[in-house]
């Protein structure tokens, strides 16, 4: 199984980004998929998840600003982020909601003026 995240970058506070995660070697639709993030010096934390049924859940800080979606046909999960804040700066990763696969390299999101 390989998870490849992309779409990160440098953005000013209030800006937006759309992250993409493509999975290979796994039947995506069988799993709830999730985004996690890890800021410097902090532990990895849950951001959002989407079930095979399409149901979603979010960490409190993501509610109202982040939206997780998926395309089972493309084996891809997305994270649309708006109104970004400096505290959103982190490396963002995707995985199953239980972190069941080897972590990819992630994609760096930096929110700074």
Protein backbone atom coordinates (compact mmCIF):
# COMPACT_ATOMS: atom_id res chain seq x y z
CA UNK A 1 0.00 0.00 0.00
CA UNK A 2 1.26 3.42 -0.90
CA UNK A 3 -0.26 6.71 0.21
CA UNK A 4 0.87 9.83 -1.62
CA UNK A 5 -0.19 13.24 -0.37
CA UNK A 6 0.08 16.47 -2.36
CA UNK A 7 -1.29 19.98 -2.59
CA UNK A 8 0.42 21.63 0.33
CA UNK A 9 2.30 24.88 0.13
CA UNK A 10 2.84 28.32 1.58
CA UNK A 11 -0.31 30.36 2.01
CA UNK A 12 -1.16 33.57 3.81
CA UNK A 13 -3.54 33.57 6.78
CA UNK A 14 -7.09 33.42 5.50
CA UNK A 15 -6.05 31.55 2.40
CA UNK A 16 -7.15 28.17 1.08
CA UNK A 17 -5.60 24.92 -0.02
CA UNK A 18 -6.86 21.62 -1.35
CA UNK A 19 -4.91 18.55 -0.35
CA UNK A 20 -5.05 15.30 -2.30
CA UNK A 21 -4.18 11.77 -1.25
CA UNK A 22 -3.91 8.97 -3.76
CA UNK A 23 -3.80 5.40 -2.51
CA UNK A 24 -2.49 2.45 -4.41
CA UNK A 25 -2.49 -1.21 -3.48
CA UNK A 26 -5.71 -0.97 -1.50
CA UNK A 27 -9.41 -1.01 -2.28
CA UNK A 28 -10.19 2.43 -1.03
CA UNK A 29 -13.92 2.00 -0.72
CA UNK A 30 -13.52 -0.66 1.97
CA UNK A 31 -12.11 1.75 4.51
CA UNK A 32 -12.85 4.92 6.36
CA UNK A 33 -10.11 7.31 5.35
CA UNK A 34 -8.76 10.22 7.30
CA UNK A 35 -6.42 13.16 7.32
CA UNK A 36 -3.98 13.75 10.15
CA UNK A 37 -1.41 16.44 10.76
CA UNK A 38 1.78 16.89 12.73
CA UNK A 39 3.14 20.26 13.66
CA UNK A 40 6.79 20.74 14.66
CA UNK A 41 7.42 19.42 18.14
CA UNK A 42 3.91 18.05 18.49
CA UNK A 43 2.30 14.65 18.14
CA UNK A 44 0.33 13.67 15.08
CA UNK A 45 -3.34 14.57 15.47
CA UNK A 46 -6.57 13.66 13.78
CA UNK A 47 -8.05 16.22 11.39
CA UNK A 48 -11.01 14.66 9.61
CA UNK A 49 -12.37 11.30 8.46
CA UNK A 50 -14.81 10.04 5.86
CA UNK A 51 -16.53 6.66 6.05
CA UNK A 52 -17.22 4.36 3.15
CA UNK A 53 -20.81 5.56 3.37
CA UNK A 54 -19.74 9.18 3.01
CA UNK A 55 -20.31 10.14 6.62
CA UNK A 56 -17.73 12.57 7.94
CA UNK A 57 -16.22 13.59 11.25
CA UNK A 58 -13.92 16.46 12.15
CA UNK A 59 -11.67 17.56 14.92
CA UNK A 60 -13.05 20.64 16.58
CA UNK A 61 -10.49 22.96 15.03
CA UNK A 62 -11.45 21.78 11.53
CA UNK A 63 -15.20 22.23 11.82
CA UNK A 64 -16.52 24.91 9.52
CA UNK A 65 -13.18 25.39 7.77
CA UNK A 66 -12.14 21.99 6.42
CA UNK A 67 -14.12 19.59 4.24
CA UNK A 68 -13.09 16.00 3.55
CA UNK A 69 -14.34 14.23 0.43
CA UNK A 70 -13.41 11.08 -1.43
CA UNK A 71 -13.55 9.51 -4.84
CA UNK A 72 -13.64 5.75 -4.52
CA UNK A 73 -13.30 5.30 -8.25
CA UNK A 74 -10.08 7.29 -8.19
CA UNK A 75 -8.87 5.88 -4.86
CA UNK A 76 -8.43 9.46 -3.75
CA UNK A 77 -9.34 11.48 -0.69
CA UNK A 78 -9.31 15.26 -0.56
CA UNK A 79 -9.14 17.90 2.14
CA UNK A 80 -10.40 21.33 1.24
CA UNK A 81 -9.16 23.90 3.73
CA UNK A 82 -10.31 27.50 3.94
CA UNK A 83 -9.67 30.38 6.32
CA UNK A 84 -6.29 28.93 7.15
CA UNK A 85 -4.54 30.06 10.32
CA UNK A 86 -0.87 30.03 11.31
CA UNK A 87 -1.65 27.25 13.78
CA UNK A 88 -2.69 25.06 10.84
CA UNK A 89 0.97 24.88 9.84
CA UNK A 90 1.92 21.21 9.83
CA UNK A 91 2.69 18.23 7.67
CA UNK A 92 -0.58 16.67 6.59
CA UNK A 93 -0.96 12.93 6.10
CA UNK A 94 -3.72 10.61 5.00
CA UNK A 95 -4.34 7.06 6.18
CA UNK A 96 -7.21 4.86 7.25
CA UNK A 97 -9.02 6.32 10.21
CA UNK A 98 -7.08 3.97 12.48
CA UNK A 99 -3.73 4.77 10.88
CA UNK A 100 -3.53 1.23 9.65
CA UNK A 101 -1.09 1.64 6.80
CA UNK A 102 2.48 2.86 6.59
CA UNK A 103 2.55 6.63 6.64
CA UNK A 104 3.44 8.47 3.48
CA UNK A 105 5.74 11.47 3.34
CA UNK A 106 2.90 13.89 3.84
CA UNK A 107 2.51 17.34 2.37
CA UNK A 108 3.74 20.48 4.11
CA UNK A 109 1.23 23.24 4.78
CA UNK A 110 2.69 26.53 5.94
CA UNK A 111 0.41 29.42 6.85
CA UNK A 112 2.37 32.61 7.21
CA UNK A 113 2.28 36.23 6.20
